[in-house]
């Protein structure tokens, strides 16, 4: 008497799949933006650093990751010798070189 009968309603199948695709669109767009803003520039920077490290030559003036300035005196496969001052030479990994300075910067 007081309770009415409940009838089940079928949802349209095509609308639900389209709604789920539209709900995923912001997430996909976020990953695309993340790729172009963060990942791609970082990969480009890594390639440039690798090319700079491979092009090191004896006599280049460099800045190390620790902030030391010196002149490359020895070149090896994985390590380089950097002369910091007259008679003071340290061995560093090639990857520790951050920047190659123009000739004549260090006096």
PDB file of N, CA and C in Angstrom:
ATOM      1  N   UNK A   1       0.769  -1.189   0.000  1.00  0.00           N
ATOM      2  CA  UNK A   1       0.000   0.000   0.000  1.00  0.00           C
ATOM      3  C   UNK A   1       0.824   1.275   0.000  1.00  0.00           C
ATOM      4  N   UNK A   2       1.664   1.402   0.998  1.00  0.00           N
ATOM      5  CA  UNK A   2       2.442   2.630   1.083  1.00  0.00           C
ATOM      6  C   UNK A   2       3.722   2.581   0.248  1.00  0.00           C
ATOM      7  N   UNK A   3       4.145   1.411  -0.127  1.00  0.00           N
ATOM      8  CA  UNK A   3       5.390   1.250  -0.883  1.00  0.00           C
ATOM      9  C   UNK A   3       5.042   1.021  -2.344  1.00  0.00           C
ATOM     10  N   UNK A   4       5.632   1.847  -3.193  1.00  0.00           N
ATOM     11  CA  UNK A   4       5.371   1.671  -4.622  1.00  0.00           C
ATOM     12  C   UNK A   4       6.381   0.691  -5.211  1.00  0.00           C
ATOM     13  N   UNK A   5       6.034   0.119  -6.316  1.00  0.00           N
ATOM     14  CA  UNK A   5       6.909  -0.856  -6.965  1.00  0.00           C
ATOM     15  C   UNK A   5       8.084  -0.138  -7.620  1.00  0.00           C
ATOM     16  N   UNK A   6       9.295  -0.718  -7.524  1.00  0.00           N
ATOM     17  CA  UNK A   6      10.501  -0.155  -8.136  1.00  0.00           C
ATOM     18  C   UNK A   6      10.784  -0.898  -9.423  1.00  0.00           C
ATOM     19  N   UNK A   7      11.066  -0.165 -10.453  1.00  0.00           N
ATOM     20  CA  UNK A   7      11.370  -0.759 -11.751  1.00  0.00           C
ATOM     21  C   UNK A   7      12.811  -0.434 -12.134  1.00  0.00           C
ATOM     22  N   UNK A   8      13.548  -1.417 -12.592  1.00  0.00           N
ATOM     23  CA  UNK A   8      14.946  -1.214 -13.010  1.00  0.00           C
ATOM     24  C   UNK A   8      14.976  -0.545 -14.369  1.00  0.00           C
ATOM     25  N   UNK A   9      15.919   0.368 -14.521  1.00  0.00           N
ATOM     26  CA  UNK A   9      16.074   1.054 -15.799  1.00  0.00           C
ATOM     27  C   UNK A   9      17.431   0.694 -16.386  1.00  0.00           C
ATOM     28  N   UNK A  10      17.477   0.441 -17.642  1.00  0.00           N
ATOM     29  CA  UNK A  10      18.722   0.099 -18.319  1.00  0.00           C
ATOM     30  C   UNK A  10      19.407   1.384 -18.784  1.00  0.00           C
ATOM     31  N   UNK A  11      20.717   1.501 -18.508  1.00  0.00           N
ATOM     32  CA  UNK A  11      21.481   2.680 -18.940  1.00  0.00           C
ATOM     33  C   UNK A  11      21.948   2.468 -20.366  1.00  0.00           C
ATOM     34  N   UNK A  12      21.966   3.516 -21.167  1.00  0.00           N
ATOM     35  CA  UNK A  12      22.450   3.362 -22.544  1.00  0.00           C
ATOM     36  C   UNK A  12      23.949   3.036 -22.548  1.00  0.00           C
ATOM     37  N   UNK A  13      24.347   1.996 -23.255  1.00  0.00           N
ATOM     38  CA  UNK A  13      25.729   1.522 -23.259  1.00  0.00           C
ATOM     39  C   UNK A  13      26.666   2.487 -23.963  1.00  0.00           C
ATOM     40  N   UNK A  14      26.248   3.107 -25.038  1.00  0.00           N
ATOM     41  CA  UNK A  14      27.117   3.990 -25.814  1.00  0.00           C
ATOM     42  C   UNK A  14      27.486   5.234 -25.017  1.00  0.00           C
ATOM     43  N   UNK A  15      26.614   5.760 -24.257  1.00  0.00           N
ATOM     44  CA  UNK A  15      26.886   6.970 -23.487  1.00  0.00           C
ATOM     45  C   UNK A  15      27.879   6.704 -22.368  1.00  0.00           C
ATOM     46  N   UNK A  16      27.858   5.537 -21.748  1.00  0.00           N
ATOM     47  CA  UNK A  16      28.760   5.251 -20.639  1.00  0.00           C
ATOM     48  C   UNK A  16      30.204   5.107 -21.122  1.00  0.00           C
ATOM     49  N   UNK A  17      30.429   4.496 -22.278  1.00  0.00           N
ATOM     50  CA  UNK A  17      31.803   4.374 -22.772  1.00  0.00           C
ATOM     51  C   UNK A  17      32.345   5.720 -23.201  1.00  0.00           C
ATOM     52  N   UNK A  18      31.507   6.548 -23.780  1.00  0.00           N
ATOM     53  CA  UNK A  18      31.948   7.873 -24.188  1.00  0.00           C
ATOM     54  C   UNK A  18      32.268   8.724 -22.959  1.00  0.00           C
ATOM     55  N   UNK A  19      31.481   8.613 -21.915  1.00  0.00           N
ATOM     56  CA  UNK A  19      31.740   9.350 -20.685  1.00  0.00           C
ATOM     57  C   UNK A  19      33.050   8.910 -20.039  1.00  0.00           C
ATOM     58  N   UNK A  20      33.353   7.624 -20.075  1.00  0.00           N
ATOM     59  CA  UNK A  20      34.597   7.144 -19.473  1.00  0.00           C
ATOM     60  C   UNK A  20      35.816   7.628 -20.252  1.00  0.00           C
ATOM     61  N   UNK A  21      35.701   7.718 -21.576  1.00  0.00           N
ATOM     62  CA  UNK A  21      36.815   8.247 -22.371  1.00  0.00           C
ATOM     63  C   UNK A  21      37.026   9.736 -22.091  1.00  0.00           C
ATOM     64  N   UNK A  22      35.946  10.478 -21.960  1.00  0.00           N
ATOM     65  CA  UNK A  22      36.062  11.903 -21.661  1.00  0.00           C
ATOM     66  C   UNK A  22      36.618  12.139 -20.259  1.00  0.00           C
ATOM     67  N   UNK A  23      36.325  11.245 -19.339  1.00  0.00           N
ATOM     68  CA  UNK A  23      36.859  11.403 -17.988  1.00  0.00           C
ATOM     69  C   UNK A  23      38.352  11.106 -17.932  1.00  0.00           C
ATOM     70  N   UNK A  24      38.880  10.314 -18.867  1.00  0.00           N
ATOM     71  CA  UNK A  24      40.309  10.005 -18.909  1.00  0.00           C
ATOM     72  C   UNK A  24      41.107  11.061 -19.667  1.00  0.00           C
ATOM     73  N   UNK A  25      40.445  11.893 -20.423  1.00  0.00           N
ATOM     74  CA  UNK A  25      41.120  12.903 -21.238  1.00  0.00           C
ATOM     75  C   UNK A  25      41.987  13.856 -20.421  1.00  0.00           C
ATOM     76  N   UNK A  26      41.564  14.389 -19.282  1.00  0.00           N
ATOM     77  CA  UNK A  26      42.440  15.283 -18.510  1.00  0.00           C
ATOM     78  C   UNK A  26      43.719  14.605 -18.027  1.00  0.00           C
ATOM     79  N   UNK A  27      43.637  13.335 -17.678  1.00  0.00           N
ATOM     80  CA  UNK A  27      44.820  12.607 -17.221  1.00  0.00           C
ATOM     81  C   UNK A  27      45.806  12.432 -18.369  1.00  0.00           C
ATOM     82  N   UNK A  28      45.310  12.089 -19.537  1.00  0.00           N
ATOM     83  CA  UNK A  28      46.174  11.926 -20.712  1.00  0.00           C
ATOM     84  C   UNK A  28      46.826  13.255 -21.073  1.00  0.00           C
ATOM     85  N   UNK A  29      46.044  14.319 -21.046  1.00  0.00           N
ATOM     86  CA  UNK A  29      46.589  15.646 -21.341  1.00  0.00           C
ATOM     87  C   UNK A  29      47.652  16.060 -20.324  1.00  0.00           C
ATOM     88  N   UNK A  30      47.470  15.695 -19.077  1.00  0.00           N
ATOM     89  CA  UNK A  30      48.446  16.015 -18.048  1.00  0.00           C
ATOM     90  C   UNK A  30      49.775  15.312 -18.324  1.00  0.00           C
ATOM     91  N   UNK A  31      49.734  14.065 -18.748  1.00  0.00           N
ATOM     92  CA  UNK A  31      50.968  13.353 -19.059  1.00  0.00           C
ATOM     93  C   UNK A  31      51.654  13.926 -20.297  1.00  0.00           C
ATOM     94  N   UNK A  32      50.893  14.367 -21.274  1.00  0.00           N
ATOM     95  CA  UNK A  32      51.478  14.984 -22.468  1.00  0.00           C
ATOM     96  C   UNK A  32      52.180  16.292 -22.094  1.00  0.00           C
ATOM     97  N   UNK A  33      51.534  17.094 -21.290  1.00  0.00           N
ATOM     98  CA  UNK A  33      52.147  18.352 -20.844  1.00  0.00           C
ATOM     99  C   UNK A  33      53.383  18.078 -20.002  1.00  0.00           C
ATOM    100  N   UNK A  34      53.314  17.104 -19.123  1.00  0.00           N
ATOM    101  CA  UNK A  34      54.463  16.723 -18.300  1.00  0.00           C
ATOM    102  C   UNK A  34      55.640  16.306 -19.167  1.00  0.00           C
ATOM    103  N   UNK A  35      55.387  15.575 -20.223  1.00  0.00           N
ATOM    104  CA  UNK A  35      56.454  15.147 -21.123  1.00  0.00           C
ATOM    105  C   UNK A  35      57.142  16.348 -21.761  1.00  0.00           C
ATOM    106  N   UNK A  36      56.360  17.282 -22.303  1.00  0.00           N
ATOM    107  CA  UNK A  36      56.949  18.409 -23.017  1.00  0.00           C
ATOM    108  C   UNK A  36      57.567  19.453 -22.093  1.00  0.00           C
ATOM    109  N   UNK A  37      57.114  19.540 -20.864  1.00  0.00           N
ATOM    110  CA  UNK A  37      57.651  20.548 -19.951  1.00  0.00           C
ATOM    111  C   UNK A  37      58.831  20.029 -19.138  1.00  0.00           C
ATOM    112  N   UNK A  38      58.809  18.757 -18.743  1.00  0.00           N
ATOM    113  CA  UNK A  38      59.847  18.264 -17.849  1.00  0.00           C
ATOM    114  C   UNK A  38      60.765  17.206 -18.472  1.00  0.00           C
ATOM    115  N   UNK A  39      60.211  16.193 -19.056  1.00  0.00           N
ATOM    116  CA  UNK A  39      61.015  15.050 -19.485  1.00  0.00           C
ATOM    117  C   UNK A  39      61.848  15.370 -20.714  1.00  0.00           C
ATOM    118  N   UNK A  40      61.260  15.958 -21.725  1.00  0.00           N
ATOM    119  CA  UNK A  40      61.973  16.242 -22.970  1.00  0.00           C
ATOM    120  C   UNK A  40      63.143  17.215 -22.773  1.00  0.00           C
ATOM    121  N   UNK A  41      62.977  18.340 -22.044  1.00  0.00           N
ATOM    122  CA  UNK A  41      64.134  19.219 -21.819  1.00  0.00           C
ATOM    123  C   UNK A  41      65.254  18.554 -21.025  1.00  0.00           C
ATOM    124  N   UNK A  42      64.892  17.699 -20.070  1.00  0.00           N
ATOM    125  CA  UNK A  42      65.918  16.997 -19.293  1.00  0.00           C
ATOM    126  C   UNK A  42      66.715  16.045 -20.173  1.00  0.00           C
ATOM    127  N   UNK A  43      66.055  15.344 -21.085  1.00  0.00           N
ATOM    128  CA  UNK A  43      66.765  14.443 -21.995  1.00  0.00           C
ATOM    129  C   UNK A  43      67.697  15.238 -22.907  1.00  0.00           C
ATOM    130  N   UNK A  44      67.260  16.399 -23.364  1.00  0.00           N
ATOM    131  CA  UNK A  44      68.091  17.245 -24.215  1.00  0.00           C
ATOM    132  C   UNK A  44      69.324  17.720 -23.449  1.00  0.00           C
ATOM    133  N   UNK A  45      69.145  18.103 -22.197  1.00  0.00           N
ATOM    134  CA  UNK A  45      70.255  18.557 -21.367  1.00  0.00           C
ATOM    135  C   UNK A  45      71.263  17.428 -21.140  1.00  0.00           C
ATOM    136  N   UNK A  46      70.775  16.213 -20.927  1.00  0.00           N
ATOM    137  CA  UNK A  46      71.662  15.066 -20.738  1.00  0.00           C
ATOM    138  C   UNK A  46      72.485  14.792 -21.990  1.00  0.00           C
ATOM    139  N   UNK A  47      71.870  14.908 -23.168  1.00  0.00           N
ATOM    140  CA  UNK A  47      72.597  14.695 -24.421  1.00  0.00           C
ATOM    141  C   UNK A  47      73.691  15.737 -24.603  1.00  0.00           C
ATOM    142  N   UNK A  48      73.380  16.990 -24.292  1.00  0.00           N
ATOM    143  CA  UNK A  48      74.368  18.064 -24.414  1.00  0.00           C
ATOM    144  C   UNK A  48      75.536  17.838 -23.460  1.00  0.00           C
ATOM    145  N   UNK A  49      75.254  17.425 -22.218  1.00  0.00           N
ATOM    146  CA  UNK A  49      76.318  17.176 -21.242  1.00  0.00           C
ATOM    147  C   UNK A  49      77.200  16.005 -21.689  1.00  0.00           C
ATOM    148  N   UNK A  50      76.574  14.962 -22.212  1.00  0.00           N
ATOM    149  CA  UNK A  50      77.337  13.802 -22.676  1.00  0.00           C
ATOM    150  C   UNK A  50      78.258  14.201 -23.830  1.00  0.00           C
ATOM    151  N   UNK A  51      77.763  15.010 -24.761  1.00  0.00           N
ATOM    152  CA  UNK A  51      78.586  15.458 -25.882  1.00  0.00           C
ATOM    153  C   UNK A  51      79.735  16.328 -25.392  1.00  0.00           C
ATOM    154  N   UNK A  52      79.491  17.198 -24.409  1.00  0.00           N
ATOM    155  CA  UNK A  52      80.541  18.053 -23.866  1.00  0.00           C
ATOM    156  C   UNK A  52      81.623  17.220 -23.180  1.00  0.00           C
ATOM    157  N   UNK A  53      81.215  16.218 -22.404  1.00  0.00           N
ATOM    158  CA  UNK A  53      82.179  15.381 -21.687  1.00  0.00           C
ATOM    159  C   UNK A  53      83.011  14.558 -22.676  1.00  0.00           C
ATOM    160  N   UNK A  54      82.395  14.065 -23.737  1.00  0.00           N
ATOM    161  CA  UNK A  54      83.132  13.281 -24.722  1.00  0.00           C
ATOM    162  C   UNK A  54      84.106  14.145 -25.524  1.00  0.00           C
ATOM    163  N   UNK A  55      83.820  15.438 -25.645  1.00  0.00           N
ATOM    164  CA  UNK A  55      84.668  16.327 -26.438  1.00  0.00           C
ATOM    165  C   UNK A  55      85.794  16.960 -25.621  1.00  0.00           C
ATOM    166  N   UNK A  56      85.942  16.581 -24.365  1.00  0.00           N
ATOM    167  CA  UNK A  56      87.018  17.155 -23.552  1.00  0.00           C
ATOM    168  C   UNK A  56      88.379  16.830 -24.158  1.00  0.00           C
ATOM    169  N   UNK A  57      89.263  17.815 -24.115  1.00  0.00           N
ATOM    170  CA  UNK A  57      90.607  17.628 -24.654  1.00  0.00           C
ATOM    171  C   UNK A  57      91.621  18.196 -23.666  1.00  0.00           C
ATOM    172  N   UNK A  58      92.838  17.774 -23.815  1.00  0.00           N
ATOM    173  CA  UNK A  58      93.912  18.253 -22.959  1.00  0.00           C
ATOM    174  C   UNK A  58      94.070  19.762 -23.166  1.00  0.00           C
ATOM    175  N   UNK A  59      94.151  20.500 -22.058  1.00  0.00           N
ATOM    176  CA  UNK A  59      94.303  21.944 -22.139  1.00  0.00           C
ATOM    177  C   UNK A  59      92.997  22.707 -21.970  1.00  0.00           C
ATOM    178  N   UNK A  60      91.860  22.016 -21.986  1.00  0.00           N
ATOM    179  CA  UNK A  60      90.575  22.683 -21.769  1.00  0.00           C
ATOM    180  C   UNK A  60      90.484  23.164 -20.329  1.00  0.00           C
ATOM    181  N   UNK A  61      89.879  24.325 -20.149  1.00  0.00           N
ATOM    182  CA  UNK A  61      89.648  24.853 -18.809  1.00  0.00           C
ATOM    183  C   UNK A  61      88.211  24.500 -18.419  1.00  0.00           C
ATOM    184  N   UNK A  62      88.070  23.884 -17.238  1.00  0.00           N
ATOM    185  CA  UNK A  62      86.777  23.331 -16.857  1.00  0.00           C
ATOM    186  C   UNK A  62      86.368  23.769 -15.455  1.00  0.00           C
ATOM    187  N   UNK A  63      85.055  23.651 -15.193  1.00  0.00           N
ATOM    188  CA  UNK A  63      84.489  23.822 -13.854  1.00  0.00           C
ATOM    189  C   UNK A  63      83.944  22.460 -13.452  1.00  0.00           C
ATOM    190  N   UNK A  64      84.280  22.029 -12.238  1.00  0.00           N
ATOM    191  CA  UNK A  64      83.809  20.724 -11.770  1.00  0.00           C
ATOM    192  C   UNK A  64      82.517  20.869 -10.988  1.00  0.00           C
ATOM    193  N   UNK A  65      81.907  19.739 -10.666  1.00  0.00           N
ATOM    194  CA  UNK A  65      80.659  19.742  -9.902  1.00  0.00           C
ATOM    195  C   UNK A  65      80.870  20.317  -8.507  1.00  0.00           C
ATOM    196  N   UNK A  66      82.082  20.238  -7.990  1.00  0.00           N
ATOM    197  CA  UNK A  66      82.391  20.797  -6.678  1.00  0.00           C
ATOM    198  C   UNK A  66      82.718  22.268  -6.718  1.00  0.00           C
ATOM    199  N   UNK A  67      82.754  22.848  -7.918  1.00  0.00           N
ATOM    200  CA  UNK A  67      83.021  24.273  -8.051  1.00  0.00           C
ATOM    201  C   UNK A  67      84.477  24.619  -8.271  1.00  0.00           C
ATOM    202  N   UNK A  68      85.336  23.622  -8.439  1.00  0.00           N
ATOM    203  CA  UNK A  68      86.753  23.895  -8.658  1.00  0.00           C
ATOM    204  C   UNK A  68      87.007  24.226 -10.123  1.00  0.00           C
ATOM    205  N   UNK A  69      87.910  25.167 -10.357  1.00  0.00           N
ATOM    206  CA  UNK A  69      88.329  25.541 -11.704  1.00  0.00           C
ATOM    207  C   UNK A  69      89.701  24.938 -11.943  1.00  0.00           C
ATOM    208  N   UNK A  70      89.908  24.412 -13.125  1.00  0.00           N
ATOM    209  CA  UNK A  70      91.209  23.842 -13.439  1.00  0.00           C
ATOM    210  C   UNK A  70      91.363  23.583 -14.917  1.00  0.00           C
ATOM    211  N   UNK A  71      92.568  23.136 -15.267  1.00  0.00           N
ATOM    212  CA  UNK A  71      92.904  22.849 -16.653  1.00  0.00           C
ATOM    213  C   UNK A  71      93.115  21.351 -16.800  1.00  0.00           C
ATOM    214  N   UNK A  72      92.534  20.771 -17.821  1.00  0.00           N
ATOM    215  CA  UNK A  72      92.656  19.333 -18.052  1.00  0.00           C
ATOM    216  C   UNK A  72      94.083  19.016 -18.453  1.00  0.00           C
ATOM    217  N   UNK A  73      94.724  18.106 -17.683  1.00  0.00           N
ATOM    218  CA  UNK A  73      96.110  17.749 -17.971  1.00  0.00           C
ATOM    219  C   UNK A  73      96.249  16.318 -18.487  1.00  0.00           C
ATOM    220  N   UNK A  74      95.339  15.446 -18.096  1.00  0.00           N
ATOM    221  CA  UNK A  74      95.370  14.046 -18.556  1.00  0.00           C
ATOM    222  C   UNK A  74      93.958  13.636 -18.921  1.00  0.00           C
ATOM    223  N   UNK A  75      93.847  12.786 -19.934  1.00  0.00           N
ATOM    224  CA  UNK A  75      92.535  12.287 -20.368  1.00  0.00           C
ATOM    225  C   UNK A  75      92.580  10.767 -20.359  1.00  0.00           C
ATOM    226  N   UNK A  76      91.600  10.163 -19.695  1.00  0.00           N
ATOM    227  CA  UNK A  76      91.431   8.718 -19.716  1.00  0.00           C
ATOM    228  C   UNK A  76      90.037   8.380 -20.200  1.00  0.00           C
ATOM    229  N   UNK A  77      89.721   7.085 -20.167  1.00  0.00           N
ATOM    230  CA  UNK A  77      88.380   6.683 -20.599  1.00  0.00           C
ATOM    231  C   UNK A  77      87.298   7.190 -19.650  1.00  0.00           C
ATOM    232  N   UNK A  78      87.499   6.980 -18.356  1.00  0.00           N
ATOM    233  CA  UNK A  78      86.493   7.369 -17.368  1.00  0.00           C
ATOM    234  C   UNK A  78      86.950   8.513 -16.471  1.00  0.00           C
ATOM    235  N   UNK A  79      88.252   8.748 -16.408  1.00  0.00           N
ATOM    236  CA  UNK A  79      88.789   9.749 -15.498  1.00  0.00           C
ATOM    237  C   UNK A  79      89.628  10.767 -16.259  1.00  0.00           C
ATOM    238  N   UNK A  80      89.718  11.966 -15.676  1.00  0.00           N
ATOM    239  CA  UNK A  80      90.590  13.000 -16.227  1.00  0.00           C
ATOM    240  C   UNK A  80      91.437  13.552 -15.093  1.00  0.00           C
ATOM    241  N   UNK A  81      92.606  14.065 -15.440  1.00  0.00           N
ATOM    242  CA  UNK A  81      93.446  14.762 -14.484  1.00  0.00           C
ATOM    243  C   UNK A  81      93.234  16.250 -14.680  1.00  0.00           C
ATOM    244  N   UNK A  82      92.921  16.953 -13.600  1.00  0.00           N
ATOM    245  CA  UNK A  82      92.685  18.389 -13.664  1.00  0.00           C
ATOM    246  C   UNK A  82      93.731  19.076 -12.800  1.00  0.00           C
ATOM    247  N   UNK A  83      94.475  19.996 -13.407  1.00  0.00           N
ATOM    248  CA  UNK A  83      95.483  20.761 -12.690  1.00  0.00           C
ATOM    249  C   UNK A  83      94.809  22.005 -12.121  1.00  0.00           C
ATOM    250  N   UNK A  84      94.722  22.060 -10.780  1.00  0.00           N
ATOM    251  CA  UNK A  84      94.061  23.172 -10.110  1.00  0.00           C
ATOM    252  C   UNK A  84      95.000  24.364  -9.935  1.00  0.00           C
ATOM    253  N   UNK A  85      96.251  24.078  -9.643  1.00  0.00           N
ATOM    254  CA  UNK A  85      97.293  25.095  -9.507  1.00  0.00           C
ATOM    255  C   UNK A  85      98.594  24.429  -9.938  1.00  0.00           C
ATOM    256  N   UNK A  86      99.674  25.199  -9.997  1.00  0.00           N
ATOM    257  CA  UNK A  86     100.949  24.618 -10.407  1.00  0.00           C
ATOM    258  C   UNK A  86     101.355  23.527  -9.429  1.00  0.00           C
ATOM    259  N   UNK A  87     101.513  22.315  -9.920  1.00  0.00           N
ATOM    260  CA  UNK A  87     101.918  21.193  -9.094  1.00  0.00           C
ATOM    261  C   UNK A  87     100.777  20.522  -8.332  1.00  0.00           C
ATOM    262  N   UNK A  88      99.565  21.005  -8.457  1.00  0.00           N
ATOM    263  CA  UNK A  88      98.415  20.408  -7.762  1.00  0.00           C
ATOM    264  C   UNK A  88      97.475  19.828  -8.817  1.00  0.00           C
ATOM    265  N   UNK A  89      97.416  18.498  -8.833  1.00  0.00           N
ATOM    266  CA  UNK A  89      96.577  17.828  -9.818  1.00  0.00           C
ATOM    267  C   UNK A  89      95.654  16.839  -9.111  1.00  0.00           C
ATOM    268  N   UNK A  90      94.408  16.805  -9.524  1.00  0.00           N
ATOM    269  CA  UNK A  90      93.447  15.862  -8.957  1.00  0.00           C
ATOM    270  C   UNK A  90      92.867  15.008 -10.071  1.00  0.00           C
ATOM    271  N   UNK A  91      92.455  13.810  -9.701  1.00  0.00           N
ATOM    272  CA  UNK A  91      91.799  12.911 -10.643  1.00  0.00           C
ATOM    273  C   UNK A  91      90.291  13.003 -10.408  1.00  0.00           C
ATOM    274  N   UNK A  92      89.538  13.184 -11.483  1.00  0.00           N
ATOM    275  CA  UNK A  92      88.087  13.288 -11.401  1.00  0.00           C
ATOM    276  C   UNK A  92      87.440  12.378 -12.424  1.00  0.00           C
ATOM    277  N   UNK A  93      86.206  12.017 -12.154  1.00  0.00           N
ATOM    278  CA  UNK A  93      85.423  11.329 -13.173  1.00  0.00           C
ATOM    279  C   UNK A  93      85.050  12.342 -14.242  1.00  0.00           C
ATOM    280  N   UNK A  94      84.959  11.869 -15.467  1.00  0.00           N
ATOM    281  CA  UNK A  94      84.585  12.773 -16.563  1.00  0.00           C
ATOM    282  C   UNK A  94      83.234  13.425 -16.315  1.00  0.00           C
ATOM    283  N   UNK A  95      82.314  12.691 -15.706  1.00  0.00           N
ATOM    284  CA  UNK A  95      80.961  13.196 -15.478  1.00  0.00           C
ATOM    285  C   UNK A  95      80.930  14.343 -14.469  1.00  0.00           C
ATOM    286  N   UNK A  96      82.021  14.539 -13.709  1.00  0.00           N
ATOM    287  CA  UNK A  96      82.072  15.608 -12.711  1.00  0.00           C
ATOM    288  C   UNK A  96      82.308  16.970 -13.350  1.00  0.00           C
ATOM    289  N   UNK A  97      82.622  17.015 -14.636  1.00  0.00           N
ATOM    290  CA  UNK A  97      82.811  18.289 -15.319  1.00  0.00           C
ATOM    291  C   UNK A  97      81.443  18.866 -15.648  1.00  0.00           C
ATOM    292  N   UNK A  98      81.216  20.097 -15.191  1.00  0.00           N
ATOM    293  CA  UNK A  98      79.928  20.737 -15.379  1.00  0.00           C
ATOM    294  C   UNK A  98      79.956  21.681 -16.573  1.00  0.00           C
ATOM    295  N   UNK A  99      81.096  22.352 -16.774  1.00  0.00           N
ATOM    296  CA  UNK A  99      81.155  23.363 -17.813  1.00  0.00           C
ATOM    297  C   UNK A  99      82.583  23.468 -18.336  1.00  0.00           C
ATOM    298  N   UNK A 100      82.694  23.716 -19.632  1.00  0.00           N
ATOM    299  CA  UNK A 100      83.983  23.994 -20.252  1.00  0.00           C
ATOM    300  C   UNK A 100      84.047  25.501 -20.477  1.00  0.00           C
ATOM    301  N   UNK A 101      85.109  26.102 -19.940  1.00  0.00           N
ATOM    302  CA  UNK A 101      85.258  27.562 -20.019  1.00  0.00           C
ATOM    303  C   UNK A 101      86.025  27.951 -21.284  1.00  0.00           C
ATOM    304  N   UNK A 102      85.866  29.184 -21.741  1.00  0.00           N
ATOM    305  CA  UNK A 102      86.681  29.649 -22.864  1.00  0.00           C
ATOM    306  C   UNK A 102      88.155  29.710 -22.482  1.00  0.00           C
ATOM    307  N   UNK A 103      89.028  29.520 -23.458  1.00  0.00           N
ATOM    308  CA  UNK A 103      90.478  29.547 -23.201  1.00  0.00           C
ATOM    309  C   UNK A 103      90.877  30.899 -22.617  1.00  0.00           C
ATOM    310  N   UNK A 104      91.770  30.857 -21.652  1.00  0.00           N
ATOM    311  CA  UNK A 104      92.270  32.090 -21.036  1.00  0.00           C
ATOM    312  C   UNK A 104      91.437  32.599 -19.889  1.00  0.00           C
ATOM    313  N   UNK A 105      90.432  31.874 -19.481  1.00  0.00           N
ATOM    314  CA  UNK A 105      89.594  32.315 -18.350  1.00  0.00           C
ATOM    315  C   UNK A 105      90.343  32.197 -17.042  1.00  0.00           C
ATOM    316  N   UNK A 106      91.076  31.114 -16.863  1.00  0.00           N
ATOM    317  CA  UNK A 106      91.833  30.874 -15.640  1.00  0.00           C
ATOM    318  C   UNK A 106      93.241  31.434 -15.845  1.00  0.00           C
ATOM    319  N   UNK A 107      93.651  32.267 -14.902  1.00  0.00           N
ATOM    320  CA  UNK A 107      95.017  32.837 -15.004  1.00  0.00           C
ATOM    321  C   UNK A 107      95.821  32.509 -13.803  1.00  0.00           C
TER     322      UNK A 107
END
